[in-house]
Structures are given as C-alpha cells and as structure tokens.
Amino acid sequence: MQTVHVKARKSPYSDTQDVERTKVRDEQVSWNVDWPDYEPKQYTSPIVLNNPPWADDPDPKKIQHYNEIDGNIDRTSAMGRYEIDKKTNRPKNPQGRTGCMSVIKLDFLI
C-alpha cells in the first residue's frame, strides 16, 4: 500500500507546538473507509478567532453556501465539488482524513 497524505498528518499541527493530531493510519486516510469513532482534533488559529475581515466565521454553522459563489467569496474548488461533513458542517478534505479539523490563516492566499 502506498503511503498517502503524510505531511498533512504530522504532529504537532503546523505552526503550533502542542496541537497533536488524532493518529490516522495509512489505511484510514480515505473517507471511503468506515471509521465511526473518528474524532479529529479541532483547532482554530488564534488570528482567525479575532474575526479578521478575510476569514470565515469560526462557527461552521454560519456558512451555508459551500461549493458555489457566496457573495464575494468563491467557495468552489479547483479539485471539483467537495463533500460537507454532516456532523460538523465543515468541508471534508478531498485528499482524506488528516487527524485535525482546523480553521487557519492561509498565508499564501492573503
């Protein structure tokens, strides 16, 4: 089996020293693999908690228009349509599980 999604599963979480991801084995990365007890670590970057104008609200229930243009925000993906997790109302990473569910600042986008 090929090792997949390795960098996105490393701990501690990028730019932190103490945010440890839930361990995801290679065979558990795919969303097609049943893992009912999967509980990814939740993390929100401190800068996002300050509600800067470029960031989404940290509460995912306040975002209603994934996979489409939402006012001035393009929520589509170059990878095509992405799934929304029914429990959390957050987009699922199209590459699979990472062990962390996060809201972060993407420096290369701002």
N, C-alpha and C. Protein backbone atom coordinates (compact mmCIF):
# COMPACT_ATOMS: atom_id res chain seq x y z
N MET A 1 0.84 -1.18 0.00
CA MET A 1 0.00 0.00 0.00
C MET A 1 0.89 1.25 0.00
N GLN A 2 0.53 2.21 -0.82
CA GLN A 2 1.28 3.46 -0.91
C GLN A 2 0.99 4.33 0.31
N THR A 3 2.03 4.99 0.82
CA THR A 3 1.85 5.92 1.92
C THR A 3 1.23 7.19 1.36
N VAL A 4 0.15 7.65 1.98
CA VAL A 4 -0.59 8.80 1.45
C VAL A 4 -0.74 9.90 2.48
N HIS A 5 -0.80 11.13 1.98
CA HIS A 5 -1.18 12.28 2.81
C HIS A 5 -0.28 12.41 4.04
N VAL A 6 1.01 12.10 3.90
CA VAL A 6 1.92 12.01 5.04
C VAL A 6 2.14 13.35 5.72
N LYS A 7 2.50 14.39 4.98
CA LYS A 7 2.79 15.69 5.59
C LYS A 7 1.57 16.27 6.29
N ALA A 8 0.39 16.06 5.74
CA ALA A 8 -0.83 16.61 6.33
C ALA A 8 -1.26 15.86 7.59
N ARG A 9 -0.57 14.77 7.93
CA ARG A 9 -0.92 14.02 9.14
C ARG A 9 0.13 14.14 10.23
N LYS A 10 1.14 14.97 10.03
CA LYS A 10 2.21 15.11 11.03
C LYS A 10 1.75 15.90 12.25
N SER A 11 2.32 15.55 13.38
CA SER A 11 2.10 16.29 14.63
C SER A 11 3.44 16.80 15.12
N PRO A 12 3.45 17.89 15.86
CA PRO A 12 2.29 18.73 16.16
C PRO A 12 1.81 19.46 14.91
N TYR A 13 0.60 19.99 15.00
CA TYR A 13 -0.01 20.70 13.89
C TYR A 13 0.88 21.86 13.47
N SER A 14 0.92 22.16 12.19
CA SER A 14 1.76 23.23 11.64
C SER A 14 1.62 24.54 12.41
N ASP A 15 2.74 25.17 12.68
CA ASP A 15 2.81 26.46 13.39
C ASP A 15 2.33 26.40 14.84
N THR A 16 2.28 25.20 15.40
CA THR A 16 1.96 25.05 16.82
C THR A 16 3.02 24.16 17.45
N GLN A 17 3.04 24.14 18.76
CA GLN A 17 3.97 23.25 19.45
C GLN A 17 3.24 22.20 20.28
N ASP A 18 1.93 22.37 20.42
CA ASP A 18 1.22 21.47 21.33
C ASP A 18 -0.09 20.91 20.79
N VAL A 19 -0.41 21.16 19.53
CA VAL A 19 -1.65 20.64 18.96
C VAL A 19 -1.35 19.31 18.27
N GLU A 20 -1.68 18.23 18.95
CA GLU A 20 -1.43 16.89 18.42
C GLU A 20 -2.65 16.39 17.66
N ARG A 21 -2.41 15.90 16.46
CA ARG A 21 -3.49 15.36 15.63
C ARG A 21 -3.93 13.98 16.15
N THR A 22 -5.15 13.60 15.84
CA THR A 22 -5.58 12.22 16.02
C THR A 22 -4.76 11.37 15.05
N LYS A 23 -4.23 10.26 15.52
CA LYS A 23 -3.41 9.41 14.64
C LYS A 23 -4.30 8.76 13.59
N VAL A 24 -3.88 8.91 12.32
CA VAL A 24 -4.59 8.33 11.19
C VAL A 24 -3.61 7.40 10.46
N ARG A 25 -3.89 6.10 10.49
CA ARG A 25 -3.03 5.15 9.79
C ARG A 25 -3.27 5.26 8.28
N ASP A 26 -2.32 4.83 7.48
CA ASP A 26 -2.44 4.92 6.02
C ASP A 26 -3.76 4.36 5.52
N GLU A 27 -4.16 3.22 6.06
CA GLU A 27 -5.38 2.58 5.58
C GLU A 27 -6.66 3.29 6.05
N GLN A 28 -6.53 4.30 6.91
CA GLN A 28 -7.70 5.04 7.41
C GLN A 28 -7.86 6.42 6.76
N VAL A 29 -6.94 6.81 5.88
CA VAL A 29 -6.98 8.15 5.28
C VAL A 29 -8.24 8.34 4.44
N SER A 30 -8.58 7.40 3.61
CA SER A 30 -9.71 7.54 2.69
C SER A 30 -11.04 7.68 3.43
N TRP A 31 -11.86 8.61 2.95
CA TRP A 31 -13.21 8.78 3.52
C TRP A 31 -14.09 7.57 3.21
N ASN A 32 -13.68 6.73 2.25
CA ASN A 32 -14.45 5.53 1.92
C ASN A 32 -14.28 4.43 2.96
N VAL A 33 -13.28 4.57 3.82
CA VAL A 33 -13.05 3.59 4.89
C VAL A 33 -13.93 3.95 6.07
N ASP A 34 -14.73 3.01 6.53
CA ASP A 34 -15.62 3.24 7.67
C ASP A 34 -14.80 3.42 8.94
N TRP A 35 -15.02 4.52 9.63
CA TRP A 35 -14.34 4.81 10.91
C TRP A 35 -15.32 5.62 11.75
N PRO A 36 -16.33 4.96 12.33
CA PRO A 36 -17.38 5.68 13.06
C PRO A 36 -16.88 6.44 14.29
N ASP A 37 -15.76 6.03 14.87
CA ASP A 37 -15.24 6.69 16.07
C ASP A 37 -14.21 7.77 15.76
N TYR A 38 -14.04 8.13 14.50
CA TYR A 38 -13.05 9.14 14.12
C TYR A 38 -13.41 10.48 14.75
N GLU A 39 -12.49 11.00 15.56
CA GLU A 39 -12.66 12.29 16.23
C GLU A 39 -11.41 13.13 15.99
N PRO A 40 -11.38 13.91 14.91
CA PRO A 40 -10.19 14.72 14.65
C PRO A 40 -10.04 15.82 15.69
N LYS A 41 -8.80 16.17 15.98
CA LYS A 41 -8.52 17.28 16.88
C LYS A 41 -9.06 18.55 16.24
N GLN A 42 -9.76 19.37 17.01
CA GLN A 42 -10.26 20.64 16.50
C GLN A 42 -9.31 21.75 16.90
N TYR A 43 -8.97 22.59 15.92
CA TYR A 43 -8.03 23.67 16.17
C TYR A 43 -8.43 24.88 15.31
N THR A 44 -8.46 26.04 15.93
CA THR A 44 -8.68 27.29 15.20
C THR A 44 -7.52 28.22 15.50
N SER A 45 -6.90 28.71 14.44
CA SER A 45 -5.76 29.61 14.58
C SER A 45 -6.17 30.85 15.38
N PRO A 46 -5.35 31.29 16.33
CA PRO A 46 -5.69 32.47 17.14
C PRO A 46 -6.03 33.70 16.30
N ILE A 47 -5.36 33.89 15.18
CA ILE A 47 -5.66 35.07 14.37
C ILE A 47 -7.08 35.01 13.80
N VAL A 48 -7.58 33.81 13.51
CA VAL A 48 -8.94 33.65 12.99
C VAL A 48 -9.96 33.95 14.08
N LEU A 49 -9.63 33.62 15.32
CA LEU A 49 -10.55 33.89 16.44
C LEU A 49 -10.78 35.39 16.64
N ASN A 50 -9.87 36.22 16.12
CA ASN A 50 -10.03 37.68 16.21
C ASN A 50 -10.94 38.24 15.13
N ASN A 51 -11.56 37.37 14.34
CA ASN A 51 -12.51 37.76 13.29
C ASN A 51 -11.97 38.77 12.29
N PRO A 52 -10.81 38.52 11.66
CA PRO A 52 -10.33 39.45 10.64
C PRO A 52 -11.29 39.44 9.44
N PRO A 53 -11.32 40.51 8.66
CA PRO A 53 -12.29 40.60 7.56
C PRO A 53 -12.12 39.55 6.48
N TRP A 54 -10.94 38.97 6.33
CA TRP A 54 -10.69 37.98 5.29
C TRP A 54 -11.05 36.56 5.73
N ALA A 55 -11.40 36.36 6.98
CA ALA A 55 -11.63 35.00 7.49
C ALA A 55 -13.12 34.68 7.60
N ASP A 56 -13.44 33.42 7.39
CA ASP A 56 -14.80 32.95 7.66
C ASP A 56 -15.06 32.98 9.15
N ASP A 57 -16.32 33.00 9.51
CA ASP A 57 -16.70 32.87 10.91
C ASP A 57 -16.22 31.50 11.39
N PRO A 58 -15.58 31.42 12.56
CA PRO A 58 -15.13 30.12 13.06
C PRO A 58 -16.27 29.12 13.28
N ASP A 59 -17.51 29.60 13.38
CA ASP A 59 -18.66 28.71 13.56
C ASP A 59 -19.12 28.22 12.19
N PRO A 60 -18.87 26.95 11.85
CA PRO A 60 -19.21 26.45 10.52
C PRO A 60 -20.71 26.44 10.23
N LYS A 61 -21.53 26.49 11.25
CA LYS A 61 -22.98 26.50 11.02
C LYS A 61 -23.44 27.81 10.38
N LYS A 62 -22.59 28.85 10.44
CA LYS A 62 -22.94 30.14 9.86
C LYS A 62 -22.59 30.23 8.37
N ILE A 63 -21.95 29.19 7.84
CA ILE A 63 -21.59 29.17 6.42
C ILE A 63 -22.56 28.22 5.72
N GLN A 64 -23.30 28.74 4.77
CA GLN A 64 -24.36 27.97 4.14
C GLN A 64 -24.09 27.59 2.68
N HIS A 65 -23.17 28.26 2.02
CA HIS A 65 -23.05 28.11 0.57
C HIS A 65 -21.72 27.53 0.12
N TYR A 66 -21.46 26.30 0.52
CA TYR A 66 -20.24 25.63 0.07
C TYR A 66 -20.40 25.22 -1.40
N ASN A 67 -19.29 25.02 -2.09
CA ASN A 67 -19.27 24.57 -3.48
C ASN A 67 -19.89 25.56 -4.46
N GLU A 68 -19.94 26.83 -4.12
CA GLU A 68 -20.53 27.82 -5.02
C GLU A 68 -19.99 29.20 -4.67
N ILE A 69 -20.36 30.18 -5.48
CA ILE A 69 -20.01 31.56 -5.19
C ILE A 69 -20.96 32.04 -4.09
N ASP A 70 -20.39 32.58 -3.03
CA ASP A 70 -21.17 33.05 -1.87
C ASP A 70 -20.90 34.54 -1.71
N GLY A 71 -21.70 35.36 -2.38
CA GLY A 71 -21.45 36.80 -2.37
C GLY A 71 -20.14 37.08 -3.08
N ASN A 72 -19.18 37.67 -2.36
CA ASN A 72 -17.86 37.94 -2.93
C ASN A 72 -16.86 36.83 -2.69
N ILE A 73 -17.30 35.73 -2.10
CA ILE A 73 -16.40 34.63 -1.74
C ILE A 73 -16.63 33.45 -2.67
N ASP A 74 -15.56 32.99 -3.29
CA ASP A 74 -15.64 31.82 -4.17
C ASP A 74 -15.35 30.58 -3.33
N ARG A 75 -16.37 29.79 -3.04
CA ARG A 75 -16.22 28.59 -2.22
C ARG A 75 -16.13 27.33 -3.08
N THR A 76 -15.86 27.50 -4.37
CA THR A 76 -15.65 26.34 -5.23
C THR A 76 -14.20 25.89 -5.08
N SER A 77 -13.89 24.73 -5.62
CA SER A 77 -12.54 24.18 -5.53
C SER A 77 -12.04 23.77 -6.91
N ALA A 78 -10.77 23.97 -7.16
CA ALA A 78 -10.16 23.53 -8.41
C ALA A 78 -10.20 22.00 -8.52
N MET A 79 -10.40 21.32 -7.39
CA MET A 79 -10.46 19.86 -7.38
C MET A 79 -11.87 19.35 -7.66
N GLY A 80 -12.81 20.25 -7.86
CA GLY A 80 -14.20 19.85 -8.10
C GLY A 80 -15.02 19.97 -6.83
N ARG A 81 -16.23 19.42 -6.87
CA ARG A 81 -17.10 19.50 -5.70
C ARG A 81 -16.50 18.71 -4.55
N TYR A 82 -16.64 19.25 -3.36
CA TYR A 82 -16.14 18.57 -2.17
C TYR A 82 -17.32 18.26 -1.26
N GLU A 83 -17.15 17.24 -0.44
CA GLU A 83 -18.21 16.83 0.49
C GLU A 83 -18.20 17.69 1.74
N ILE A 84 -19.37 17.84 2.33
CA ILE A 84 -19.51 18.53 3.61
C ILE A 84 -19.84 17.49 4.67
N ASP A 85 -19.11 17.51 5.77
CA ASP A 85 -19.37 16.59 6.88
C ASP A 85 -20.71 16.95 7.51
N LYS A 86 -21.61 16.00 7.55
CA LYS A 86 -22.96 16.26 8.08
C LYS A 86 -22.96 16.59 9.57
N LYS A 87 -22.01 16.04 10.33
CA LYS A 87 -21.96 16.31 11.77
C LYS A 87 -21.42 17.69 12.09
N THR A 88 -20.45 18.17 11.31
CA THR A 88 -19.76 19.41 11.66
C THR A 88 -20.06 20.59 10.74
N ASN A 89 -20.66 20.34 9.59
CA ASN A 89 -20.90 21.34 8.55
C ASN A 89 -19.58 21.96 8.06
N ARG A 90 -18.52 21.19 8.09
CA ARG A 90 -17.23 21.65 7.56
C ARG A 90 -16.91 20.83 6.31
N PRO A 91 -16.20 21.44 5.36
CA PRO A 91 -15.79 20.66 4.18
C PRO A 91 -14.85 19.53 4.58
N LYS A 92 -15.01 18.39 3.92
CA LYS A 92 -14.07 17.28 4.10
C LYS A 92 -12.88 17.51 3.18
N ASN A 93 -11.69 17.25 3.67
CA ASN A 93 -10.50 17.35 2.84
C ASN A 93 -10.63 16.35 1.70
N PRO A 94 -10.59 16.79 0.44
CA PRO A 94 -10.76 15.85 -0.67
C PRO A 94 -9.66 14.79 -0.75
N GLN A 95 -8.54 15.01 -0.07
CA GLN A 95 -7.46 14.04 -0.08
C GLN A 95 -7.60 13.01 1.04
N GLY A 96 -8.55 13.21 1.95
CA GLY A 96 -8.77 12.25 3.02
C GLY A 96 -8.55 12.82 4.41
N ARG A 97 -8.63 11.93 5.39
CA ARG A 97 -8.50 12.34 6.80
C ARG A 97 -7.08 12.80 7.12
N THR A 98 -6.98 13.78 8.01
CA THR A 98 -5.67 14.29 8.43
C THR A 98 -5.48 14.20 9.94
N GLY A 99 -6.55 13.91 10.69
CA GLY A 99 -6.44 13.85 12.14
C GLY A 99 -6.67 15.19 12.81
N CYS A 100 -6.95 16.22 12.02
CA CYS A 100 -7.19 17.55 12.57
C CYS A 100 -8.25 18.26 11.74
N MET A 101 -9.15 18.92 12.43
CA MET A 101 -10.15 19.75 11.78
C MET A 101 -9.81 21.18 12.18
N SER A 102 -9.47 22.02 11.20
CA SER A 102 -8.93 23.31 11.57
C SER A 102 -9.48 24.46 10.75
N VAL A 103 -9.41 25.62 11.37
CA VAL A 103 -9.70 26.88 10.70
C VAL A 103 -8.43 27.70 10.87
N ILE A 104 -7.76 27.98 9.77
CA ILE A 104 -6.44 28.59 9.84
C ILE A 104 -6.30 29.76 8.89
N LYS A 105 -5.21 30.47 9.02
CA LYS A 105 -4.84 31.52 8.08
C LYS A 105 -3.97 30.88 7.00
N LEU A 106 -4.39 31.03 5.75
CA LEU A 106 -3.59 30.52 4.65
C LEU A 106 -2.77 31.68 4.10
N ASP A 107 -1.54 31.79 4.55
CA ASP A 107 -0.69 32.93 4.21
C ASP A 107 -0.57 33.17 2.71
N PHE A 108 -0.56 32.11 1.94
CA PHE A 108 -0.35 32.30 0.51
C PHE A 108 -1.57 32.86 -0.20
N LEU A 109 -2.70 32.95 0.49
CA LEU A 109 -3.92 33.48 -0.12
C LEU A 109 -4.19 34.93 0.24
N ILE A 110 -3.50 35.46 1.24
CA ILE A 110 -3.78 36.85 1.64
C ILE A 110 -2.53 37.70 1.53
